[in-house]
Amino acid sequence: MRRFAPLLLALLLLATPAGAVGFQRLELPDPDGGTLELGIWYPSNAPASPQPLGPYVHNVAPGGALRGEALPLVLFSHGSGGSM
């Protein structure tokens, strides 16, 4: 599955029109203390704008309405050595 992840991500990006990406940030309690930070990107028709997310700037619509139904779910975890 690891070798297919970049291809799957590229297909998702090609299937989503530019400027049509919603974004939400969640924090969940970590069982070992602290919090786990989650970034959720999804298709949206809401207007996007540049948003600082970690060390990068992404063109997303924070809290934009979800576009579509019965969409696939893709999860990426990079362990503890990165940012969202």
N, C-alpha and C. Protein backbone atom coordinates (compact mmCIF):
# COMPACT_ATOMS: atom_id res chain seq x y z
N MET A 1 0.82 -1.20 0.00
CA MET A 1 0.00 0.00 0.00
C MET A 1 0.86 1.26 0.00
N ARG A 2 2.01 1.19 0.67
CA ARG A 2 2.86 2.38 0.76
C ARG A 2 3.28 2.89 -0.61
N ARG A 3 3.57 2.01 -1.52
CA ARG A 3 4.04 2.47 -2.83
C ARG A 3 2.91 3.03 -3.68
N PHE A 4 1.65 2.72 -3.32
CA PHE A 4 0.51 3.26 -4.05
C PHE A 4 0.01 4.58 -3.49
N ALA A 5 0.45 4.95 -2.30
CA ALA A 5 -0.03 6.18 -1.66
C ALA A 5 0.24 7.42 -2.49
N PRO A 6 1.45 7.62 -3.05
CA PRO A 6 1.67 8.82 -3.88
C PRO A 6 0.76 8.85 -5.11
N LEU A 7 0.54 7.70 -5.73
CA LEU A 7 -0.34 7.64 -6.89
C LEU A 7 -1.77 7.98 -6.50
N LEU A 8 -2.23 7.44 -5.38
CA LEU A 8 -3.58 7.73 -4.90
C LEU A 8 -3.74 9.20 -4.57
N LEU A 9 -2.76 9.80 -3.93
CA LEU A 9 -2.82 11.23 -3.62
C LEU A 9 -2.88 12.06 -4.90
N ALA A 10 -2.08 11.70 -5.89
CA ALA A 10 -2.09 12.43 -7.16
C ALA A 10 -3.45 12.33 -7.84
N LEU A 11 -4.06 11.15 -7.81
CA LEU A 11 -5.39 10.98 -8.40
C LEU A 11 -6.43 11.82 -7.68
N LEU A 12 -6.34 11.89 -6.35
CA LEU A 12 -7.29 12.70 -5.59
C LEU A 12 -7.12 14.18 -5.92
N LEU A 13 -5.89 14.62 -6.06
CA LEU A 13 -5.65 16.02 -6.38
C LEU A 13 -6.14 16.36 -7.78
N LEU A 14 -5.97 15.44 -8.72
CA LEU A 14 -6.45 15.68 -10.08
C LEU A 14 -7.97 15.67 -10.15
N ALA A 15 -8.62 14.91 -9.28
CA ALA A 15 -10.08 14.80 -9.30
C ALA A 15 -10.76 15.97 -8.62
N THR A 16 -10.01 16.78 -7.88
CA THR A 16 -10.58 17.91 -7.16
C THR A 16 -10.17 19.20 -7.86
N PRO A 17 -11.13 20.01 -8.32
CA PRO A 17 -10.78 21.27 -8.99
C PRO A 17 -9.98 22.19 -8.08
N ALA A 18 -9.06 22.94 -8.68
CA ALA A 18 -8.25 23.89 -7.91
C ALA A 18 -9.15 24.87 -7.18
N GLY A 19 -8.78 25.22 -5.96
CA GLY A 19 -9.57 26.17 -5.19
C GLY A 19 -10.83 25.58 -4.61
N ALA A 20 -10.97 24.26 -4.64
CA ALA A 20 -12.18 23.63 -4.14
C ALA A 20 -11.82 22.59 -3.09
N VAL A 21 -11.05 22.99 -2.10
CA VAL A 21 -10.62 22.07 -1.06
C VAL A 21 -11.00 22.65 0.30
N GLY A 22 -11.87 21.94 1.01
CA GLY A 22 -12.21 22.34 2.37
C GLY A 22 -11.15 21.81 3.32
N PHE A 23 -11.07 22.41 4.49
CA PHE A 23 -10.07 21.99 5.48
C PHE A 23 -10.63 22.18 6.88
N GLN A 24 -10.35 21.20 7.73
CA GLN A 24 -10.66 21.33 9.16
C GLN A 24 -9.49 20.77 9.96
N ARG A 25 -9.25 21.40 11.08
CA ARG A 25 -8.19 20.97 12.00
C ARG A 25 -8.87 20.45 13.27
N LEU A 26 -8.44 19.29 13.71
CA LEU A 26 -8.96 18.70 14.94
C LEU A 26 -7.82 18.37 15.87
N GLU A 27 -8.09 18.43 17.16
CA GLU A 27 -7.12 17.98 18.16
C GLU A 27 -7.80 16.93 19.01
N LEU A 28 -7.13 15.80 19.18
CA LEU A 28 -7.65 14.70 19.98
C LEU A 28 -6.70 14.43 21.14
N PRO A 29 -7.24 14.01 22.29
CA PRO A 29 -6.35 13.71 23.40
C PRO A 29 -5.47 12.50 23.08
N ASP A 30 -4.19 12.62 23.39
CA ASP A 30 -3.24 11.52 23.22
C ASP A 30 -3.25 10.69 24.50
N PRO A 31 -3.39 9.37 24.39
CA PRO A 31 -3.40 8.53 25.60
C PRO A 31 -2.14 8.68 26.44
N ASP A 32 -1.02 9.08 25.82
CA ASP A 32 0.23 9.26 26.56
C ASP A 32 0.41 10.69 27.08
N GLY A 33 -0.64 11.51 26.98
CA GLY A 33 -0.56 12.92 27.38
C GLY A 33 -0.44 13.79 26.15
N GLY A 34 -0.79 15.06 26.27
CA GLY A 34 -0.72 15.97 25.13
C GLY A 34 -1.91 15.80 24.20
N THR A 35 -1.74 16.23 22.96
CA THR A 35 -2.82 16.14 21.98
C THR A 35 -2.26 15.65 20.64
N LEU A 36 -3.14 15.04 19.85
CA LEU A 36 -2.83 14.65 18.49
C LEU A 36 -3.51 15.64 17.57
N GLU A 37 -2.77 16.24 16.64
CA GLU A 37 -3.33 17.22 15.73
C GLU A 37 -3.65 16.54 14.40
N LEU A 38 -4.88 16.73 13.92
CA LEU A 38 -5.33 16.14 12.67
C LEU A 38 -5.67 17.23 11.68
N GLY A 39 -5.27 17.05 10.44
CA GLY A 39 -5.68 17.94 9.35
C GLY A 39 -6.56 17.14 8.41
N ILE A 40 -7.72 17.67 8.06
CA ILE A 40 -8.67 16.98 7.20
C ILE A 40 -8.92 17.83 5.96
N TRP A 41 -8.57 17.29 4.79
CA TRP A 41 -8.80 17.94 3.51
C TRP A 41 -9.92 17.20 2.80
N TYR A 42 -10.83 17.91 2.15
CA TYR A 42 -11.98 17.27 1.50
C TYR A 42 -12.51 18.17 0.39
N PRO A 43 -13.25 17.59 -0.58
CA PRO A 43 -13.80 18.41 -1.65
C PRO A 43 -14.84 19.40 -1.14
N SER A 44 -14.80 20.61 -1.66
CA SER A 44 -15.74 21.65 -1.23
C SER A 44 -15.90 22.67 -2.35
N ASN A 45 -17.04 23.31 -2.42
CA ASN A 45 -17.25 24.39 -3.38
C ASN A 45 -17.00 25.76 -2.75
N ALA A 46 -16.64 25.79 -1.48
CA ALA A 46 -16.41 27.05 -0.78
C ALA A 46 -15.17 27.74 -1.34
N PRO A 47 -15.16 29.08 -1.35
CA PRO A 47 -13.98 29.78 -1.84
C PRO A 47 -12.77 29.53 -0.95
N ALA A 48 -11.64 29.27 -1.58
CA ALA A 48 -10.41 28.97 -0.86
C ALA A 48 -9.53 30.22 -0.76
N SER A 49 -8.67 30.22 0.24
CA SER A 49 -7.70 31.30 0.40
C SER A 49 -6.44 30.71 1.02
N PRO A 50 -5.29 31.37 0.86
CA PRO A 50 -4.04 30.85 1.43
C PRO A 50 -4.13 30.81 2.96
N GLN A 51 -3.80 29.66 3.53
CA GLN A 51 -3.85 29.47 4.98
C GLN A 51 -2.54 28.83 5.44
N PRO A 52 -1.90 29.38 6.50
CA PRO A 52 -0.69 28.74 7.03
C PRO A 52 -1.08 27.46 7.78
N LEU A 53 -0.52 26.34 7.36
CA LEU A 53 -0.75 25.05 8.01
C LEU A 53 0.61 24.43 8.28
N GLY A 54 1.05 24.51 9.52
CA GLY A 54 2.40 24.05 9.84
C GLY A 54 3.40 24.96 9.14
N PRO A 55 4.45 24.38 8.58
CA PRO A 55 5.47 25.21 7.92
C PRO A 55 5.10 25.62 6.49
N TYR A 56 3.91 25.26 6.02
CA TYR A 56 3.52 25.52 4.63
C TYR A 56 2.26 26.38 4.56
N VAL A 57 1.98 26.90 3.38
CA VAL A 57 0.74 27.65 3.12
C VAL A 57 -0.05 26.85 2.09
N HIS A 58 -1.31 26.55 2.41
CA HIS A 58 -2.18 25.77 1.52
C HIS A 58 -3.37 26.64 1.10
N ASN A 59 -3.83 26.47 -0.12
CA ASN A 59 -4.99 27.19 -0.62
C ASN A 59 -6.23 26.33 -0.31
N VAL A 60 -6.89 26.62 0.82
CA VAL A 60 -8.02 25.82 1.29
C VAL A 60 -9.15 26.72 1.77
N ALA A 61 -10.32 26.11 1.98
CA ALA A 61 -11.49 26.80 2.53
C ALA A 61 -11.73 26.26 3.94
N PRO A 62 -11.20 26.94 4.98
CA PRO A 62 -11.40 26.44 6.34
C PRO A 62 -12.88 26.32 6.68
N GLY A 63 -13.30 25.14 7.09
CA GLY A 63 -14.69 24.91 7.48
C GLY A 63 -15.66 24.92 6.31
N GLY A 64 -15.16 24.88 5.07
CA GLY A 64 -16.03 24.88 3.89
C GLY A 64 -16.95 23.68 3.88
N ALA A 65 -18.14 23.83 3.29
CA ALA A 65 -19.11 22.74 3.23
C ALA A 65 -18.59 21.60 2.36
N LEU A 66 -18.86 20.39 2.78
CA LEU A 66 -18.47 19.19 2.04
C LEU A 66 -19.24 19.09 0.74
N ARG A 67 -18.54 18.78 -0.36
CA ARG A 67 -19.17 18.57 -1.65
C ARG A 67 -19.09 17.08 -1.98
N GLY A 68 -20.26 16.45 -2.19
CA GLY A 68 -20.28 15.04 -2.57
C GLY A 68 -20.91 14.18 -1.49
N GLU A 69 -21.13 12.93 -1.86
CA GLU A 69 -21.71 11.94 -0.95
C GLU A 69 -20.97 10.63 -1.11
N ALA A 70 -20.96 9.83 -0.07
CA ALA A 70 -20.32 8.51 -0.10
C ALA A 70 -18.91 8.57 -0.68
N LEU A 71 -18.13 9.53 -0.19
CA LEU A 71 -16.77 9.74 -0.69
C LEU A 71 -15.80 8.74 -0.05
N PRO A 72 -14.73 8.37 -0.75
CA PRO A 72 -13.75 7.47 -0.15
C PRO A 72 -12.96 8.19 0.94
N LEU A 73 -12.41 7.42 1.85
CA LEU A 73 -11.59 7.96 2.93
C LEU A 73 -10.16 7.50 2.72
N VAL A 74 -9.23 8.45 2.75
CA VAL A 74 -7.81 8.14 2.61
C VAL A 74 -7.11 8.68 3.84
N LEU A 75 -6.38 7.82 4.54
CA LEU A 75 -5.65 8.23 5.74
C LEU A 75 -4.16 8.17 5.49
N PHE A 76 -3.44 9.19 5.93
CA PHE A 76 -1.99 9.21 5.87
C PHE A 76 -1.47 9.47 7.28
N SER A 77 -0.53 8.68 7.72
CA SER A 77 0.13 8.91 8.99
C SER A 77 1.62 8.90 8.74
N HIS A 78 2.30 9.96 9.15
CA HIS A 78 3.73 10.05 8.92
C HIS A 78 4.50 9.80 10.20
N GLY A 79 3.85 9.27 11.23
CA GLY A 79 4.52 9.02 12.48
C GLY A 79 4.69 10.30 13.27
N SER A 80 5.74 10.39 14.06
CA SER A 80 5.92 11.56 14.92
C SER A 80 6.96 12.54 14.40
N GLY A 81 7.44 12.34 13.16
CA GLY A 81 8.53 13.18 12.67
C GLY A 81 8.14 14.21 11.64
N GLY A 82 6.90 14.63 11.60
CA GLY A 82 6.50 15.59 10.57
C GLY A 82 5.43 16.53 11.06
N SER A 83 4.85 17.25 10.13
CA SER A 83 3.73 18.12 10.43
C SER A 83 2.62 17.82 9.46
N MET A 84 1.41 18.31 9.76
CA MET A 84 0.30 17.99 8.87
C MET A 84 0.46 18.69 7.56
